[in-house]
């Protein structure tokens, strides 16, 4: 009887662990529609897509894997050009949380996005655009 009870308890633990792990994964799944909505905060200064142009800030096509300060035709601060940043999930998340803390001297005036889920959704939205502004 004790072996059967132990087996039942272990089965329940495995089921609960699976639910918890599955729930956590889906809670942080990236949502492109939410990312596109979040990008509205960026639109006054940035653009993305086939017709993207530099505005107050540089266009954001091809951001994933691009070195900071390298879009032709945009005037970057020395801080951005010399930051050594190559944009990827972690660097973008850290930067967009507090741009001036990540790159002191940047001219980007933005309070940042403090919500982890929103940052992930925004990054997922942005990284789908290649350098020509076409969705990958």
N, C-alpha and C. Protein backbone atom coordinates (compact mmCIF):
# COMPACT_ATOMS: atom_id res chain seq x y z
N UNK A 1 0.82 -1.19 0.00
CA UNK A 1 0.00 0.00 0.00
C UNK A 1 0.87 1.26 0.00
N UNK A 2 1.95 1.28 0.74
CA UNK A 2 2.83 2.45 0.82
C UNK A 2 3.45 2.74 -0.54
N UNK A 3 3.82 1.71 -1.30
CA UNK A 3 4.41 1.91 -2.62
C UNK A 3 3.40 2.54 -3.55
N UNK A 4 2.15 2.13 -3.48
CA UNK A 4 1.09 2.69 -4.31
C UNK A 4 0.86 4.17 -3.97
N UNK A 5 0.87 4.51 -2.69
CA UNK A 5 0.69 5.91 -2.26
C UNK A 5 1.85 6.77 -2.74
N UNK A 6 3.05 6.24 -2.64
CA UNK A 6 4.23 6.97 -3.10
C UNK A 6 4.13 7.21 -4.60
N UNK A 7 3.70 6.20 -5.34
CA UNK A 7 3.55 6.33 -6.79
C UNK A 7 2.49 7.38 -7.13
N UNK A 8 1.38 7.38 -6.41
CA UNK A 8 0.32 8.38 -6.63
C UNK A 8 0.83 9.79 -6.35
N UNK A 9 1.57 9.94 -5.28
CA UNK A 9 2.12 11.25 -4.93
C UNK A 9 3.10 11.72 -6.00
N UNK A 10 3.96 10.83 -6.46
CA UNK A 10 4.92 11.19 -7.50
C UNK A 10 4.21 11.58 -8.80
N UNK A 11 3.16 10.85 -9.14
CA UNK A 11 2.39 11.17 -10.35
C UNK A 11 1.79 12.57 -10.23
N UNK A 12 1.23 12.89 -9.08
CA UNK A 12 0.64 14.20 -8.86
C UNK A 12 1.71 15.30 -8.95
N UNK A 13 2.87 15.05 -8.40
CA UNK A 13 3.96 16.03 -8.45
C UNK A 13 4.36 16.30 -9.90
N UNK A 14 4.48 15.24 -10.69
CA UNK A 14 4.86 15.38 -12.09
C UNK A 14 3.79 16.18 -12.85
N UNK A 15 2.54 15.89 -12.58
CA UNK A 15 1.45 16.61 -13.26
C UNK A 15 1.47 18.10 -12.87
N UNK A 16 1.61 18.37 -11.59
CA UNK A 16 1.65 19.76 -11.13
C UNK A 16 2.85 20.50 -11.72
N UNK A 17 4.01 19.85 -11.73
CA UNK A 17 5.20 20.47 -12.31
C UNK A 17 4.99 20.78 -13.79
N UNK A 18 4.37 19.85 -14.51
CA UNK A 18 4.09 20.07 -15.93
C UNK A 18 3.17 21.25 -16.15
N UNK A 19 2.15 21.37 -15.33
CA UNK A 19 1.22 22.50 -15.44
C UNK A 19 1.95 23.81 -15.15
N UNK A 20 2.75 23.82 -14.11
CA UNK A 20 3.48 25.04 -13.75
C UNK A 20 4.47 25.44 -14.83
N UNK A 21 5.21 24.50 -15.34
CA UNK A 21 6.20 24.80 -16.39
C UNK A 21 5.49 25.25 -17.66
N UNK A 22 4.44 24.55 -18.04
CA UNK A 22 3.69 24.92 -19.24
C UNK A 22 3.06 26.28 -19.10
N UNK A 23 2.53 26.60 -17.93
CA UNK A 23 1.92 27.89 -17.68
C UNK A 23 2.93 29.02 -17.76
N UNK A 24 4.12 28.79 -17.23
CA UNK A 24 5.16 29.81 -17.27
C UNK A 24 5.61 30.06 -18.70
N UNK A 25 5.79 28.99 -19.47
CA UNK A 25 6.23 29.15 -20.85
C UNK A 25 5.22 29.95 -21.65
N UNK A 26 3.94 29.64 -21.49
CA UNK A 26 2.94 30.37 -22.26
C UNK A 26 2.79 31.80 -21.78
N UNK A 27 3.05 32.04 -20.50
CA UNK A 27 2.94 33.39 -19.97
C UNK A 27 3.98 34.31 -20.60
N UNK A 28 5.12 33.77 -21.00
CA UNK A 28 6.17 34.58 -21.60
C UNK A 28 6.28 34.37 -23.11
N UNK A 29 5.31 33.68 -23.72
CA UNK A 29 5.33 33.52 -25.17
C UNK A 29 5.20 34.90 -25.80
N UNK A 30 5.92 35.11 -26.86
CA UNK A 30 5.92 36.42 -27.48
C UNK A 30 4.68 36.61 -28.35
N UNK A 31 4.12 37.78 -28.32
CA UNK A 31 2.90 38.10 -29.01
C UNK A 31 3.19 39.25 -29.98
N UNK A 32 3.19 38.94 -31.29
CA UNK A 32 3.53 39.95 -32.29
C UNK A 32 2.51 41.09 -32.34
N UNK A 33 1.24 40.78 -32.14
CA UNK A 33 0.22 41.84 -32.14
C UNK A 33 0.46 42.80 -30.98
N UNK A 34 0.79 42.26 -29.81
CA UNK A 34 1.10 43.13 -28.67
C UNK A 34 2.37 43.93 -28.94
N UNK A 35 3.35 43.30 -29.59
CA UNK A 35 4.58 44.00 -29.94
C UNK A 35 4.33 45.14 -30.91
N UNK A 36 3.47 44.90 -31.89
CA UNK A 36 3.13 45.95 -32.84
C UNK A 36 2.41 47.10 -32.13
N UNK A 37 1.54 46.77 -31.20
CA UNK A 37 0.85 47.79 -30.43
C UNK A 37 1.84 48.59 -29.58
N UNK A 38 2.79 47.89 -28.95
CA UNK A 38 3.81 48.55 -28.15
C UNK A 38 4.67 49.48 -29.00
N UNK A 39 4.90 49.10 -30.25
CA UNK A 39 5.73 49.89 -31.15
C UNK A 39 5.13 51.28 -31.39
N UNK A 40 3.85 51.45 -31.13
CA UNK A 40 3.22 52.77 -31.28
C UNK A 40 3.92 53.81 -30.40
N UNK A 41 4.51 53.36 -29.29
CA UNK A 41 5.27 54.26 -28.42
C UNK A 41 6.54 54.75 -29.12
N UNK A 42 7.02 53.96 -30.05
CA UNK A 42 8.27 54.25 -30.76
C UNK A 42 8.06 55.08 -32.03
N UNK A 43 6.84 55.02 -32.58
CA UNK A 43 6.53 55.65 -33.87
C UNK A 43 6.87 57.13 -33.99
N UNK A 44 6.75 57.93 -32.94
CA UNK A 44 7.10 59.33 -33.13
C UNK A 44 8.56 59.53 -33.58
N UNK A 45 9.42 58.59 -33.24
CA UNK A 45 10.85 58.76 -33.52
C UNK A 45 11.44 57.70 -34.46
N UNK A 46 10.81 56.55 -34.58
CA UNK A 46 11.36 55.43 -35.36
C UNK A 46 10.33 54.90 -36.34
N UNK A 47 10.83 54.25 -37.38
CA UNK A 47 9.94 53.56 -38.31
C UNK A 47 10.54 52.20 -38.65
N UNK A 48 9.67 51.33 -39.14
CA UNK A 48 10.07 49.99 -39.51
C UNK A 48 9.17 49.55 -40.66
N UNK A 49 9.67 48.68 -41.52
CA UNK A 49 8.88 48.21 -42.65
C UNK A 49 9.48 48.66 -43.97
N UNK A 50 8.82 48.30 -45.04
CA UNK A 50 9.34 48.55 -46.38
C UNK A 50 9.57 50.03 -46.68
N UNK A 51 8.73 50.91 -46.12
CA UNK A 51 8.87 52.34 -46.40
C UNK A 51 9.54 53.11 -45.26
N UNK A 52 10.24 52.40 -44.38
CA UNK A 52 10.86 53.02 -43.20
C UNK A 52 11.94 54.02 -43.61
N UNK A 53 11.97 55.11 -42.85
CA UNK A 53 12.99 56.15 -43.06
C UNK A 53 13.50 56.59 -41.68
N UNK A 54 14.69 57.16 -41.68
CA UNK A 54 15.20 57.76 -40.45
C UNK A 54 14.31 58.95 -40.10
N UNK A 55 14.04 59.06 -38.82
CA UNK A 55 13.25 60.18 -38.33
C UNK A 55 14.09 60.87 -37.25
N UNK A 56 13.49 61.20 -36.13
CA UNK A 56 14.26 61.73 -35.00
C UNK A 56 15.25 60.66 -34.54
N UNK A 57 14.84 59.39 -34.67
CA UNK A 57 15.69 58.24 -34.40
C UNK A 57 15.89 57.44 -35.67
N UNK A 58 16.82 56.50 -35.67
CA UNK A 58 17.09 55.72 -36.88
C UNK A 58 15.97 54.72 -37.17
N UNK A 59 15.84 54.34 -38.44
CA UNK A 59 14.90 53.27 -38.79
C UNK A 59 15.36 51.99 -38.09
N UNK A 60 14.44 51.09 -37.84
CA UNK A 60 14.76 49.91 -37.05
C UNK A 60 14.71 48.60 -37.85
N UNK A 61 14.70 48.69 -39.17
CA UNK A 61 14.77 47.47 -39.99
C UNK A 61 16.11 46.77 -39.75
N UNK A 62 16.08 45.46 -39.72
CA UNK A 62 17.31 44.69 -39.59
C UNK A 62 18.01 44.89 -38.25
N UNK A 63 17.25 45.22 -37.23
CA UNK A 63 17.86 45.52 -35.93
C UNK A 63 18.55 44.30 -35.31
N UNK A 64 17.94 43.13 -35.42
CA UNK A 64 18.51 41.92 -34.83
C UNK A 64 19.85 41.60 -35.48
N UNK A 65 20.91 41.66 -34.69
CA UNK A 65 22.26 41.37 -35.19
C UNK A 65 23.03 42.58 -35.70
N UNK A 66 22.39 43.74 -35.72
CA UNK A 66 23.03 44.96 -36.21
C UNK A 66 23.83 45.62 -35.10
N UNK A 67 24.95 46.21 -35.45
CA UNK A 67 25.76 46.95 -34.49
C UNK A 67 25.13 48.33 -34.29
N UNK A 68 25.13 48.78 -33.06
CA UNK A 68 24.59 50.09 -32.72
C UNK A 68 25.37 51.19 -33.44
N UNK A 69 24.63 52.18 -33.92
CA UNK A 69 25.28 53.34 -34.53
C UNK A 69 25.69 53.14 -35.97
N UNK A 70 25.02 52.26 -36.72
CA UNK A 70 25.51 51.94 -38.06
C UNK A 70 24.53 52.19 -39.20
N UNK A 71 23.35 52.73 -38.94
CA UNK A 71 22.42 52.99 -40.04
C UNK A 71 22.91 54.20 -40.84
N UNK A 72 23.07 53.98 -42.13
CA UNK A 72 23.55 55.04 -43.01
C UNK A 72 22.54 56.19 -43.06
N UNK A 73 23.05 57.41 -43.02
CA UNK A 73 22.21 58.58 -43.13
C UNK A 73 21.63 59.08 -41.81
N UNK A 74 21.93 58.38 -40.73
CA UNK A 74 21.46 58.84 -39.43
C UNK A 74 22.65 59.35 -38.63
N UNK A 75 22.49 60.45 -37.94
CA UNK A 75 23.57 61.03 -37.15
C UNK A 75 23.46 60.54 -35.71
N UNK A 76 24.31 59.60 -35.37
CA UNK A 76 24.35 59.03 -34.02
C UNK A 76 25.27 59.82 -33.11
N UNK A 77 25.05 59.70 -31.83
CA UNK A 77 26.00 60.24 -30.86
C UNK A 77 27.23 59.33 -30.86
N UNK A 78 28.33 59.87 -30.39
CA UNK A 78 29.54 59.05 -30.23
C UNK A 78 29.26 57.89 -29.26
N UNK A 79 28.42 58.15 -28.26
CA UNK A 79 28.08 57.11 -27.29
C UNK A 79 27.45 55.91 -27.97
N UNK A 80 26.55 56.14 -28.91
CA UNK A 80 25.93 55.02 -29.63
C UNK A 80 26.93 54.34 -30.56
N UNK A 81 27.68 55.14 -31.29
CA UNK A 81 28.64 54.56 -32.23
C UNK A 81 29.71 53.74 -31.53
N UNK A 82 30.09 54.15 -30.34
CA UNK A 82 31.17 53.47 -29.61
C UNK A 82 30.68 52.54 -28.51
N UNK A 83 29.40 52.23 -28.48
CA UNK A 83 28.84 51.41 -27.40
C UNK A 83 29.28 49.95 -27.46
N UNK A 84 29.65 49.48 -28.65
CA UNK A 84 30.03 48.08 -28.79
C UNK A 84 28.85 47.12 -28.78
N UNK A 85 27.65 47.65 -28.82
CA UNK A 85 26.45 46.82 -28.76
C UNK A 85 26.12 46.23 -30.12
N UNK A 86 25.83 44.94 -30.11
CA UNK A 86 25.19 44.29 -31.25
C UNK A 86 23.81 43.89 -30.75
N UNK A 87 22.78 44.37 -31.45
CA UNK A 87 21.42 44.17 -30.97
C UNK A 87 20.99 42.71 -31.03
N UNK A 88 20.51 42.23 -29.91
CA UNK A 88 19.98 40.88 -29.75
C UNK A 88 18.98 40.93 -28.60
N UNK A 89 18.36 39.81 -28.30
CA UNK A 89 17.31 39.76 -27.27
C UNK A 89 17.74 40.45 -25.98
N UNK A 90 18.84 40.02 -25.42
CA UNK A 90 19.25 40.51 -24.10
C UNK A 90 19.67 41.98 -24.14
N UNK A 91 20.43 42.38 -25.17
CA UNK A 91 20.88 43.77 -25.22
C UNK A 91 19.71 44.71 -25.46
N UNK A 92 18.77 44.29 -26.30
CA UNK A 92 17.59 45.12 -26.54
C UNK A 92 16.77 45.27 -25.26
N UNK A 93 16.54 44.16 -24.57
CA UNK A 93 15.75 44.19 -23.33
C UNK A 93 16.38 45.13 -22.30
N UNK A 94 17.69 45.03 -22.15
CA UNK A 94 18.37 45.89 -21.19
C UNK A 94 18.30 47.36 -21.63
N UNK A 95 18.52 47.61 -22.91
CA UNK A 95 18.49 48.97 -23.42
C UNK A 95 17.11 49.60 -23.29
N UNK A 96 16.08 48.89 -23.76
CA UNK A 96 14.75 49.50 -23.82
C UNK A 96 14.14 49.66 -22.43
N UNK A 97 14.69 48.99 -21.44
CA UNK A 97 14.24 49.19 -20.06
C UNK A 97 14.62 50.59 -19.58
N UNK A 98 15.83 51.03 -19.95
CA UNK A 98 16.32 52.35 -19.55
C UNK A 98 17.45 52.75 -20.49
N UNK A 99 17.11 53.33 -21.65
CA UNK A 99 18.12 53.63 -22.67
C UNK A 99 19.32 54.43 -22.18
N UNK A 100 19.10 55.43 -21.37
CA UNK A 100 20.21 56.28 -20.92
C UNK A 100 21.12 55.58 -19.91
N UNK A 101 20.59 54.57 -19.23
CA UNK A 101 21.44 53.80 -18.32
C UNK A 101 22.33 52.85 -19.12
N UNK A 102 21.78 52.28 -20.20
CA UNK A 102 22.55 51.33 -21.02
C UNK A 102 23.59 52.05 -21.86
N UNK A 103 23.22 53.19 -22.43
CA UNK A 103 24.16 53.97 -23.25
C UNK A 103 24.14 55.42 -22.74
N UNK A 104 24.94 55.70 -21.72
CA UNK A 104 25.01 57.09 -21.25
C UNK A 104 25.49 57.99 -22.39
N UNK A 105 24.79 59.07 -22.60
CA UNK A 105 25.15 59.98 -23.69
C UNK A 105 24.31 59.79 -24.94
N UNK A 106 23.42 58.80 -24.95
CA UNK A 106 22.54 58.64 -26.10
C UNK A 106 21.59 59.82 -26.17
N UNK A 107 21.16 60.17 -27.37
CA UNK A 107 20.19 61.25 -27.48
C UNK A 107 18.76 60.74 -27.41
N UNK A 108 18.59 59.43 -27.22
CA UNK A 108 17.25 58.87 -27.11
C UNK A 108 16.63 59.28 -25.78
N UNK A 109 15.55 60.03 -25.88
CA UNK A 109 14.83 60.47 -24.69
C UNK A 109 13.57 59.62 -24.61
N UNK A 110 13.62 58.61 -23.77
CA UNK A 110 12.50 57.67 -23.63
C UNK A 110 12.59 57.09 -22.24
N UNK A 111 11.48 57.06 -21.54
CA UNK A 111 11.47 56.57 -20.16
C UNK A 111 11.76 55.09 -20.05
N UNK A 112 11.53 54.35 -21.12
CA UNK A 112 11.80 52.92 -21.11
C UNK A 112 10.54 52.10 -20.92
N UNK A 113 10.67 50.81 -21.18
CA UNK A 113 9.57 49.86 -21.00
C UNK A 113 9.98 48.95 -19.87
N UNK A 114 9.28 49.05 -18.78
CA UNK A 114 9.64 48.31 -17.56
C UNK A 114 9.08 46.89 -17.54
N UNK A 115 8.02 46.63 -18.29
CA UNK A 115 7.36 45.33 -18.28
C UNK A 115 8.10 44.32 -19.15
N UNK A 116 8.55 43.23 -18.54
CA UNK A 116 9.34 42.22 -19.25
C UNK A 116 8.60 41.63 -20.44
N UNK A 117 7.34 41.31 -20.27
CA UNK A 117 6.53 40.72 -21.34
C UNK A 117 6.41 41.69 -22.51
N UNK A 118 6.16 42.95 -22.21
CA UNK A 118 6.03 43.95 -23.28
C UNK A 118 7.35 44.10 -24.03
N UNK A 119 8.47 44.10 -23.31
CA UNK A 119 9.78 44.19 -23.98
C UNK A 119 9.99 43.01 -24.93
N UNK A 120 9.63 41.82 -24.48
CA UNK A 120 9.77 40.63 -25.32
C UNK A 120 8.88 40.69 -26.55
N UNK A 121 7.66 41.15 -26.37
CA UNK A 121 6.74 41.28 -27.50
C UNK A 121 7.24 42.31 -28.50
N UNK A 122 7.74 43.44 -27.99
CA UNK A 122 8.27 44.48 -28.87
C UNK A 122 9.48 43.97 -29.65
N UNK A 123 10.37 43.26 -28.98
CA UNK A 123 11.55 42.71 -29.66
C UNK A 123 11.13 41.71 -30.73
N UNK A 124 10.17 40.85 -30.41
CA UNK A 124 9.69 39.86 -31.39
C UNK A 124 9.13 40.56 -32.62
N UNK A 125 8.39 41.64 -32.40
CA UNK A 125 7.84 42.42 -33.51
C UNK A 125 8.97 43.02 -34.36
N UNK A 126 9.93 43.66 -33.71
CA UNK A 126 11.01 44.33 -34.45
C UNK A 126 11.91 43.36 -35.19
N UNK A 127 12.25 42.25 -34.56
CA UNK A 127 13.23 41.36 -35.19
C UNK A 127 12.68 40.58 -36.38
N UNK A 128 11.39 40.68 -36.62
CA UNK A 128 10.84 40.00 -37.79
C UNK A 128 11.13 40.76 -39.09
N UNK A 129 11.61 42.01 -38.97
CA UNK A 129 11.90 42.83 -40.16
C UNK A 129 13.38 42.71 -40.55
N UNK A 130 13.63 42.32 -41.79
CA UNK A 130 15.01 42.26 -42.26
C UNK A 130 15.48 43.66 -42.63
N UNK A 131 16.70 43.76 -43.13
CA UNK A 131 17.30 45.06 -43.42
C UNK A 131 16.53 45.86 -44.48
N UNK A 132 15.79 45.17 -45.34
CA UNK A 132 14.99 45.85 -46.36
C UNK A 132 13.57 46.19 -45.86
N UNK A 133 13.28 45.77 -44.64
CA UNK A 133 11.96 46.06 -44.09
C UNK A 133 10.91 45.01 -44.41
N UNK A 134 11.37 43.89 -44.96
CA UNK A 134 10.43 42.79 -45.27
C UNK A 134 10.39 41.84 -44.09
N UNK A 135 9.23 41.29 -43.84
CA UNK A 135 9.11 40.33 -42.74
C UNK A 135 9.77 39.02 -43.14
N UNK A 136 10.57 38.50 -42.21
CA UNK A 136 11.32 37.26 -42.45
C UNK A 136 10.37 36.08 -42.50
